Structure formats: C-alpha cells, structure tokens
C-alpha cells in the first residue's frame, strides 16, 4: 500500500515538473559534453605532440596524473576561488579530469602506428601533415576514441 503511494507521488511529480527535470537533465548533459569536447580539443593535439617528442611524454603525463589525483570536491573548491559558482566551474573541472585519458590514449595510439606504414607514406612523398592526417590519425583513432567515449 505504501509502495503504491510512492509510485503515485513519483508520477504526480513528473507530471507537474517534467519540463523542469528535462531542462535540468539537458543542462547537465551539455555541461559534460562541453567539458569533454574542450578536453578533446586540447588533449588530442597535446597527445600528438608528446608522441612525436618522446622526452616530453613523461612530464606531460605526470602533470595530468597529478591533476587526476585531486579529489573532485577539492578541485571544485580550488576552481571556485578563481571562477566563482556557476557552470564554468563545473566545465573546467570536467575538462581537467578528462585530459589524462585523452592525452594518454592519443599518445599510445600515435606510438602504436607501425613504422613500416610511416616509411611507406614517406616513400610516396607525403609531407609530415599528410602523414599525420592520412596515416597516423586514422590508424590510431581506434585507441583514441575509447577515451572520449568512457568519459
């Protein structure tokens, strides 16, 4: 009897507040998308850069690891000092937490491209940008994309 009353209350709530709940859901969904999208825009080029310049790989991934170890509430508090309360604070926090997997997977994917395939591209007269765009990125995309999907 009590359980049925709870279901009726839930249905009543959604009948009267459904548009509000849907608006808040879409707002939170977009906040997450913006943070991950910005992290991909920044993280993929960083991952490509450190894959081509191996000495920087350890330093960049170590910095991203340190950022990842900060608890989320502490990160929100730190960012809130600079940005105040609001959507931007959450977007920056999601951005910072999404960087590590995107950078690591991009670096791993770019390093996993077989050197013989790169040599073939060079032998065909491809420039560095053509190699990147037509050979390296398509072959490493299967490693890069799971980082963006799991966030």
N, C-alpha and C. Protein backbone atom coordinates (compact mmCIF):
# COMPACT_ATOMS: atom_id res chain seq x y z
N UNK A 1 0.83 -1.19 0.00
CA UNK A 1 0.00 0.00 0.00
C UNK A 1 0.87 1.26 0.00
N UNK A 2 1.87 1.28 0.89
CA UNK A 2 2.78 2.42 0.96
C UNK A 2 3.58 2.55 -0.33
N UNK A 3 3.99 1.39 -0.90
CA UNK A 3 4.78 1.38 -2.12
C UNK A 3 3.99 1.99 -3.28
N UNK A 4 2.71 1.69 -3.38
CA UNK A 4 1.88 2.25 -4.44
C UNK A 4 1.76 3.76 -4.29
N UNK A 5 1.70 4.22 -3.08
CA UNK A 5 1.62 5.66 -2.83
C UNK A 5 2.88 6.37 -3.32
N UNK A 6 4.04 5.74 -3.13
CA UNK A 6 5.29 6.33 -3.60
C UNK A 6 5.30 6.44 -5.12
N UNK A 7 4.81 5.40 -5.81
CA UNK A 7 4.76 5.46 -7.27
C UNK A 7 3.80 6.54 -7.74
N UNK A 8 2.70 6.69 -7.07
CA UNK A 8 1.74 7.74 -7.44
C UNK A 8 2.35 9.12 -7.22
N UNK A 9 3.09 9.28 -6.14
CA UNK A 9 3.75 10.55 -5.89
C UNK A 9 4.81 10.85 -6.95
N UNK A 10 5.55 9.82 -7.35
CA UNK A 10 6.55 9.99 -8.38
C UNK A 10 5.91 10.39 -9.71
N UNK A 11 4.86 9.72 -10.08
CA UNK A 11 4.14 10.05 -11.32
C UNK A 11 3.58 11.46 -11.24
N UNK A 12 3.02 11.82 -10.12
CA UNK A 12 2.47 13.16 -9.93
C UNK A 12 3.57 14.22 -10.07
N UNK A 13 4.73 13.92 -9.46
CA UNK A 13 5.85 14.87 -9.53
C UNK A 13 6.28 15.10 -10.98
N UNK A 14 6.45 14.02 -11.72
CA UNK A 14 6.91 14.16 -13.10
C UNK A 14 5.85 14.77 -14.01
N UNK A 15 4.59 14.57 -13.70
CA UNK A 15 3.53 15.22 -14.49
C UNK A 15 3.58 16.73 -14.32
N UNK A 16 3.89 17.18 -13.12
CA UNK A 16 3.88 18.62 -12.85
C UNK A 16 5.25 19.29 -13.04
N UNK A 17 6.32 18.51 -12.95
CA UNK A 17 7.66 19.09 -13.04
C UNK A 17 8.51 18.45 -14.13
N UNK A 18 7.90 17.75 -15.05
CA UNK A 18 8.63 17.03 -16.09
C UNK A 18 9.47 17.95 -16.96
N UNK A 19 8.93 19.09 -17.32
CA UNK A 19 9.70 20.00 -18.18
C UNK A 19 10.92 20.56 -17.45
N UNK A 20 10.77 20.82 -16.15
CA UNK A 20 11.90 21.30 -15.36
C UNK A 20 12.98 20.23 -15.26
N UNK A 21 12.59 18.98 -14.99
CA UNK A 21 13.55 17.89 -14.87
C UNK A 21 14.25 17.68 -16.21
N UNK A 22 13.52 17.74 -17.31
CA UNK A 22 14.12 17.57 -18.63
C UNK A 22 15.09 18.71 -18.95
N UNK A 23 14.72 19.93 -18.57
CA UNK A 23 15.61 21.08 -18.80
C UNK A 23 16.89 20.94 -17.99
N UNK A 24 16.79 20.49 -16.74
CA UNK A 24 17.99 20.30 -15.91
C UNK A 24 18.85 19.15 -16.41
N UNK A 25 18.19 18.10 -16.89
CA UNK A 25 18.94 16.98 -17.46
C UNK A 25 19.74 17.43 -18.68
N UNK A 26 19.10 18.16 -19.58
CA UNK A 26 19.80 18.61 -20.78
C UNK A 26 20.91 19.60 -20.43
N UNK A 27 20.69 20.43 -19.42
CA UNK A 27 21.73 21.36 -18.99
C UNK A 27 22.96 20.62 -18.47
N UNK A 28 22.75 19.63 -17.62
CA UNK A 28 23.86 18.85 -17.08
C UNK A 28 24.54 18.02 -18.16
N UNK A 29 23.76 17.51 -19.09
CA UNK A 29 24.32 16.76 -20.20
C UNK A 29 25.24 17.64 -21.03
N UNK A 30 24.79 18.85 -21.33
CA UNK A 30 25.60 19.78 -22.12
C UNK A 30 26.85 20.23 -21.38
N UNK A 31 26.77 20.40 -20.07
CA UNK A 31 27.95 20.74 -19.27
C UNK A 31 29.00 19.65 -19.43
N UNK A 32 28.59 18.40 -19.35
CA UNK A 32 29.53 17.28 -19.51
C UNK A 32 30.11 17.25 -20.91
N UNK A 33 29.25 17.44 -21.90
CA UNK A 33 29.71 17.41 -23.30
C UNK A 33 30.72 18.53 -23.54
N UNK A 34 30.44 19.73 -23.05
CA UNK A 34 31.36 20.86 -23.26
C UNK A 34 32.72 20.58 -22.63
N UNK A 35 32.73 20.04 -21.42
CA UNK A 35 33.99 19.74 -20.75
C UNK A 35 34.81 18.71 -21.49
N UNK A 36 34.16 17.63 -21.93
CA UNK A 36 34.88 16.57 -22.64
C UNK A 36 35.31 17.05 -24.02
N UNK A 37 34.46 17.82 -24.69
CA UNK A 37 34.81 18.34 -26.01
C UNK A 37 36.02 19.27 -25.94
N UNK A 38 36.02 20.15 -24.94
CA UNK A 38 37.19 21.03 -24.77
C UNK A 38 38.45 20.23 -24.43
N UNK A 39 38.29 19.18 -23.62
CA UNK A 39 39.43 18.34 -23.29
C UNK A 39 39.96 17.62 -24.53
N UNK A 40 39.07 17.20 -25.42
CA UNK A 40 39.50 16.55 -26.66
C UNK A 40 40.20 17.55 -27.57
N UNK A 41 39.68 18.78 -27.64
CA UNK A 41 40.29 19.80 -28.48
C UNK A 41 41.70 20.14 -28.00
N UNK A 42 41.91 20.12 -26.69
CA UNK A 42 43.23 20.42 -26.13
C UNK A 42 44.08 19.16 -26.02
N UNK A 43 43.49 18.06 -25.58
CA UNK A 43 44.25 16.85 -25.26
C UNK A 43 44.78 16.10 -26.47
N UNK A 44 44.01 16.04 -27.55
CA UNK A 44 44.47 15.30 -28.73
C UNK A 44 45.71 15.94 -29.34
N UNK A 45 45.74 17.27 -29.56
CA UNK A 45 47.00 17.85 -30.05
C UNK A 45 48.18 17.68 -29.09
N UNK A 46 47.92 17.75 -27.78
CA UNK A 46 49.00 17.52 -26.81
C UNK A 46 49.50 16.09 -26.94
N UNK A 47 48.58 15.13 -27.05
CA UNK A 47 48.97 13.73 -27.21
C UNK A 47 49.77 13.50 -28.48
N UNK A 48 49.38 14.15 -29.57
CA UNK A 48 50.13 14.03 -30.83
C UNK A 48 51.52 14.63 -30.65
N UNK A 49 51.60 15.78 -30.00
CA UNK A 49 52.88 16.45 -29.81
C UNK A 49 53.83 15.61 -28.96
N UNK A 50 53.34 15.06 -27.86
CA UNK A 50 54.24 14.28 -27.00
C UNK A 50 54.59 12.94 -27.62
N UNK A 51 53.74 12.42 -28.51
CA UNK A 51 54.09 11.18 -29.21
C UNK A 51 55.24 11.42 -30.17
N UNK A 52 55.28 12.59 -30.77
CA UNK A 52 56.37 12.92 -31.69
C UNK A 52 57.61 13.43 -30.98
N UNK A 53 57.46 13.92 -29.76
CA UNK A 53 58.59 14.41 -28.96
C UNK A 53 58.61 13.61 -27.66
N UNK A 54 59.19 12.42 -27.72
CA UNK A 54 59.13 11.45 -26.63
C UNK A 54 59.63 11.93 -25.29
N UNK A 55 60.57 12.88 -25.28
CA UNK A 55 61.12 13.32 -24.00
C UNK A 55 60.09 14.05 -23.15
N UNK A 56 59.13 14.69 -23.77
CA UNK A 56 58.11 15.44 -23.02
C UNK A 56 56.99 14.55 -22.50
N UNK A 57 56.91 13.34 -23.01
CA UNK A 57 55.80 12.45 -22.66
C UNK A 57 55.68 12.22 -21.16
N UNK A 58 56.79 11.89 -20.52
CA UNK A 58 56.74 11.61 -19.08
C UNK A 58 56.30 12.81 -18.27
N UNK A 59 56.81 13.98 -18.61
CA UNK A 59 56.46 15.20 -17.88
C UNK A 59 54.98 15.54 -18.03
N UNK A 60 54.50 15.53 -19.26
CA UNK A 60 53.09 15.91 -19.50
C UNK A 60 52.14 14.92 -18.85
N UNK A 61 52.41 13.64 -18.99
CA UNK A 61 51.53 12.63 -18.39
C UNK A 61 51.62 12.68 -16.87
N UNK A 62 52.79 12.99 -16.32
CA UNK A 62 52.90 13.14 -14.85
C UNK A 62 52.06 14.31 -14.35
N UNK A 63 52.07 15.42 -15.06
CA UNK A 63 51.25 16.57 -14.67
C UNK A 63 49.77 16.21 -14.74
N UNK A 64 49.37 15.51 -15.81
CA UNK A 64 47.97 15.09 -15.93
C UNK A 64 47.60 14.09 -14.84
N UNK A 65 48.53 13.22 -14.45
CA UNK A 65 48.28 12.27 -13.36
C UNK A 65 48.07 12.99 -12.04
N UNK A 66 48.85 14.03 -11.78
CA UNK A 66 48.70 14.80 -10.54
C UNK A 66 47.32 15.47 -10.51
N UNK A 67 46.91 16.04 -11.62
CA UNK A 67 45.58 16.66 -11.70
C UNK A 67 44.50 15.62 -11.42
N UNK A 68 44.68 14.41 -11.95
CA UNK A 68 43.68 13.35 -11.78
C UNK A 68 43.56 12.89 -10.33
N UNK A 69 44.63 13.01 -9.55
CA UNK A 69 44.59 12.50 -8.18
C UNK A 69 43.90 13.45 -7.20
N UNK A 70 43.66 14.68 -7.60
CA UNK A 70 43.00 15.64 -6.72
C UNK A 70 41.52 15.25 -6.61
N UNK A 71 40.99 15.10 -5.40
CA UNK A 71 39.57 14.76 -5.24
C UNK A 71 38.67 15.82 -5.90
N UNK A 72 37.54 15.37 -6.42
CA UNK A 72 36.68 16.26 -7.20
C UNK A 72 36.15 17.43 -6.38
N UNK A 73 35.79 17.20 -5.13
CA UNK A 73 35.29 18.32 -4.32
C UNK A 73 36.40 19.34 -4.04
N UNK A 74 37.61 18.86 -3.83
CA UNK A 74 38.73 19.77 -3.63
C UNK A 74 39.01 20.56 -4.91
N UNK A 75 38.94 19.87 -6.05
CA UNK A 75 39.16 20.55 -7.33
C UNK A 75 38.09 21.62 -7.56
N UNK A 76 36.84 21.27 -7.29
CA UNK A 76 35.76 22.26 -7.42
C UNK A 76 36.00 23.46 -6.51
N UNK A 77 36.45 23.19 -5.29
CA UNK A 77 36.70 24.29 -4.35
C UNK A 77 37.83 25.20 -4.83
N UNK A 78 38.89 24.59 -5.34
CA UNK A 78 40.02 25.38 -5.83
C UNK A 78 39.60 26.24 -7.02
N UNK A 79 38.89 25.63 -7.95
CA UNK A 79 38.47 26.37 -9.15
C UNK A 79 37.42 27.42 -8.81
N UNK A 80 36.60 27.13 -7.80
CA UNK A 80 35.58 28.09 -7.38
C UNK A 80 36.18 29.39 -6.87
N UNK A 81 37.37 29.31 -6.29
CA UNK A 81 38.04 30.52 -5.81
C UNK A 81 38.30 31.47 -6.97
N UNK A 82 38.73 30.90 -8.10
CA UNK A 82 39.04 31.75 -9.25
C UNK A 82 37.84 32.11 -10.11
N UNK A 83 36.94 31.16 -10.30
CA UNK A 83 35.81 31.39 -11.22
C UNK A 83 34.49 31.67 -10.53
N UNK A 84 34.40 31.42 -9.25
CA UNK A 84 33.14 31.59 -8.55
C UNK A 84 32.21 30.43 -8.81
N UNK A 85 30.99 30.54 -8.31
CA UNK A 85 30.00 29.50 -8.53
C UNK A 85 29.44 29.62 -9.94
N UNK A 86 29.10 28.51 -10.53
CA UNK A 86 28.47 28.57 -11.84
C UNK A 86 28.85 27.41 -12.72
N UNK A 87 28.33 27.46 -13.91
CA UNK A 87 28.52 26.40 -14.89
C UNK A 87 29.99 26.31 -15.32
N UNK A 88 30.66 27.43 -15.47
CA UNK A 88 32.05 27.42 -15.93
C UNK A 88 32.96 26.64 -14.98
N UNK A 89 32.69 26.71 -13.70
CA UNK A 89 33.48 25.97 -12.72
C UNK A 89 33.38 24.47 -12.97
N UNK A 90 32.18 23.99 -13.24
CA UNK A 90 31.97 22.57 -13.48
C UNK A 90 32.59 22.15 -14.81
N UNK A 91 32.46 22.99 -15.83
CA UNK A 91 33.03 22.68 -17.14
C UNK A 91 34.56 22.57 -17.03
N UNK A 92 35.19 23.48 -16.30
CA UNK A 92 36.65 23.44 -16.14
C UNK A 92 37.06 22.18 -15.37
N UNK A 93 36.29 21.81 -14.37
CA UNK A 93 36.60 20.60 -13.59
C UNK A 93 36.49 19.35 -14.46
N UNK A 94 35.41 19.25 -15.23
CA UNK A 94 35.26 18.10 -16.14
C UNK A 94 36.39 18.10 -17.16
N UNK A 95 36.74 19.27 -17.67
CA UNK A 95 37.85 19.40 -18.62
C UNK A 95 39.14 18.84 -18.03
N UNK A 96 39.47 19.24 -16.81
CA UNK A 96 40.72 18.79 -16.19
C UNK A 96 40.73 17.29 -15.93
N UNK A 97 39.60 16.72 -15.53
CA UNK A 97 39.54 15.29 -15.29
C UNK A 97 39.54 14.48 -16.58
N UNK A 98 39.10 15.06 -17.68
CA UNK A 98 39.05 14.33 -18.95
C UNK A 98 40.39 14.37 -19.69
N UNK A 99 41.28 15.26 -19.32
CA UNK A 99 42.55 15.40 -20.04
C UNK A 99 43.42 14.15 -19.99
N UNK A 100 43.60 13.54 -18.83
CA UNK A 100 44.53 12.42 -18.70
C UNK A 100 44.20 11.26 -19.63
N UNK A 101 42.98 10.73 -19.63
CA UNK A 101 42.73 9.60 -20.54
C UNK A 101 42.86 9.97 -22.01
N UNK A 102 42.49 11.18 -22.36
CA UNK A 102 42.58 11.59 -23.76
C UNK A 102 44.04 11.73 -24.18
N UNK A 103 44.85 12.36 -23.35
CA UNK A 103 46.28 12.52 -23.68
C UNK A 103 46.97 11.17 -23.74
N UNK A 104 46.73 10.31 -22.74
CA UNK A 104 47.39 9.01 -22.70
C UNK A 104 46.99 8.15 -23.89
N UNK A 105 45.70 8.11 -24.21
CA UNK A 105 45.26 7.27 -25.32
C UNK A 105 45.76 7.82 -26.66
N UNK A 106 45.81 9.13 -26.80
CA UNK A 106 46.33 9.70 -28.04
C UNK A 106 47.81 9.37 -28.19
N UNK A 107 48.57 9.52 -27.13
CA UNK A 107 49.99 9.19 -27.14
C UNK A 107 50.18 7.71 -27.48
N UNK A 108 49.44 6.84 -26.83
CA UNK A 108 49.55 5.40 -27.08
C UNK A 108 49.15 5.06 -28.52
N UNK A 109 48.07 5.65 -28.98
CA UNK A 109 47.61 5.38 -30.34
C UNK A 109 48.61 5.83 -31.39
N UNK A 110 49.18 7.00 -31.19
CA UNK A 110 50.15 7.52 -32.16
C UNK A 110 51.44 6.68 -32.15
N UNK A 111 51.83 6.21 -30.99
CA UNK A 111 53.04 5.38 -30.91
C UNK A 111 52.81 3.97 -31.45
N UNK A 112 51.55 3.55 -31.51
CA UNK A 112 51.27 2.18 -31.97
C UNK A 112 51.24 2.05 -33.49
N UNK A 113 51.30 3.16 -34.20
CA UNK A 113 51.32 3.10 -35.67
C UNK A 113 52.64 2.48 -36.10
N UNK A 114 52.55 1.48 -36.96
CA UNK A 114 53.73 0.74 -37.40
C UNK A 114 54.66 1.64 -38.22
N UNK A 115 55.94 1.57 -37.90
CA UNK A 115 56.93 2.39 -38.60
C UNK A 115 57.00 2.07 -40.09
N UNK A 116 56.74 0.83 -40.48
CA UNK A 116 56.79 0.49 -41.90
C UNK A 116 55.69 1.20 -42.68
N UNK A 117 54.55 1.42 -42.04
CA UNK A 117 53.47 2.16 -42.69
C UNK A 117 53.88 3.62 -42.85
N UNK A 118 54.52 4.18 -41.85
CA UNK A 118 55.00 5.56 -41.95
C UNK A 118 56.08 5.68 -43.02
N UNK A 119 56.97 4.70 -43.08
CA UNK A 119 58.00 4.72 -44.11
C UNK A 119 57.40 4.63 -45.51
N UNK A 120 56.34 3.85 -45.64
CA UNK A 120 55.66 3.75 -46.93
C UNK A 120 55.08 5.10 -47.34
N UNK A 121 54.48 5.79 -46.39
CA UNK A 121 53.94 7.11 -46.67
C UNK A 121 55.02 8.10 -47.06
N UNK A 122 56.14 8.04 -46.34
CA UNK A 122 57.26 8.92 -46.68
C UNK A 122 57.80 8.60 -48.07
N UNK A 123 57.86 7.31 -48.39
CA UNK A 123 58.33 6.88 -49.70
C UNK A 123 57.42 7.34 -50.83
N UNK A 124 56.15 7.52 -50.51
CA UNK A 124 55.19 8.02 -51.51
C UNK A 124 55.26 9.53 -51.64
N UNK A 125 56.08 10.17 -50.81
CA UNK A 125 56.26 11.61 -50.91
C UNK A 125 55.32 12.43 -50.03
N UNK A 126 54.75 11.82 -49.03
CA UNK A 126 53.84 12.56 -48.14
C UNK A 126 54.62 13.50 -47.23
N UNK A 127 54.02 14.66 -46.97
CA UNK A 127 54.61 15.59 -46.00
C UNK A 127 54.25 15.11 -44.59
N UNK A 128 54.81 15.77 -43.57
CA UNK A 128 54.51 15.39 -42.19
C UNK A 128 53.03 15.56 -41.86
N UNK A 129 52.43 16.64 -42.37
CA UNK A 129 51.00 16.87 -42.12
C UNK A 129 50.14 15.84 -42.85
N UNK A 130 50.54 15.47 -44.06
CA UNK A 130 49.79 14.44 -44.79
C UNK A 130 49.90 13.10 -44.08
N UNK A 131 51.09 12.77 -43.60
CA UNK A 131 51.26 11.54 -42.82
C UNK A 131 50.38 11.54 -41.59
N UNK A 132 50.36 12.66 -40.90
CA UNK A 132 49.54 12.78 -39.70
C UNK A 132 48.06 12.62 -40.03
N UNK A 133 47.61 13.36 -41.04
CA UNK A 133 46.18 13.39 -41.38
C UNK A 133 45.70 12.11 -42.06
N UNK A 134 46.51 11.53 -42.94
CA UNK A 134 46.05 10.40 -43.74
C UNK A 134 46.52 9.03 -43.25
N UNK A 135 47.53 9.00 -42.40
CA UNK A 135 48.06 7.71 -41.95
C UNK A 135 47.95 7.56 -40.43
N UNK A 136 48.61 8.44 -39.69
CA UNK A 136 48.71 8.26 -38.24
C UNK A 136 47.36 8.39 -37.52
N UNK A 137 46.63 9.48 -37.78
CA UNK A 137 45.36 9.66 -37.08
C UNK A 137 44.33 8.58 -37.40
N UNK A 138 44.12 8.20 -38.68
CA UNK A 138 43.16 7.13 -38.93
C UNK A 138 43.55 5.80 -38.28
N UNK A 139 44.85 5.48 -38.26
CA UNK A 139 45.27 4.22 -37.66
C UNK A 139 45.22 4.24 -36.14
N UNK A 140 45.37 5.40 -35.54
CA UNK A 140 45.36 5.48 -34.08
C UNK A 140 43.98 5.84 -33.52
N UNK A 141 43.03 6.09 -34.36
CA UNK A 141 41.70 6.51 -33.90
C UNK A 141 41.01 5.46 -33.04
N UNK A 142 41.28 4.18 -33.32
CA UNK A 142 40.64 3.12 -32.53
C UNK A 142 41.16 3.10 -31.09
N UNK A 143 42.32 3.68 -30.84
CA UNK A 143 42.85 3.78 -29.48
C UNK A 143 42.43 5.09 -28.83
N UNK A 144 42.34 6.16 -29.63
CA UNK A 144 41.99 7.47 -29.10
C UNK A 144 40.52 7.55 -28.68
N UNK A 145 39.63 7.04 -29.49
CA UNK A 145 38.20 7.21 -29.27
C UNK A 145 37.67 6.60 -27.98
N UNK A 146 38.13 5.43 -27.53
CA UNK A 146 37.58 4.93 -26.26
C UNK A 146 37.78 5.89 -25.10
N UNK A 147 38.80 6.72 -25.12
CA UNK A 147 39.00 7.69 -24.04
C UNK A 147 37.88 8.71 -24.05
N UNK A 148 37.44 9.12 -25.22
CA UNK A 148 36.37 10.11 -25.31
C UNK A 148 35.03 9.49 -25.00
N UNK A 149 34.84 8.20 -25.31
CA UNK A 149 33.56 7.55 -25.08
C UNK A 149 33.31 7.23 -23.61
N UNK A 150 34.36 6.86 -22.88
CA UNK A 150 34.17 6.43 -21.50
C UNK A 150 33.98 7.59 -20.53
N UNK A 151 34.25 8.78 -20.96
CA UNK A 151 34.11 9.92 -20.07
C UNK A 151 32.70 10.35 -20.11
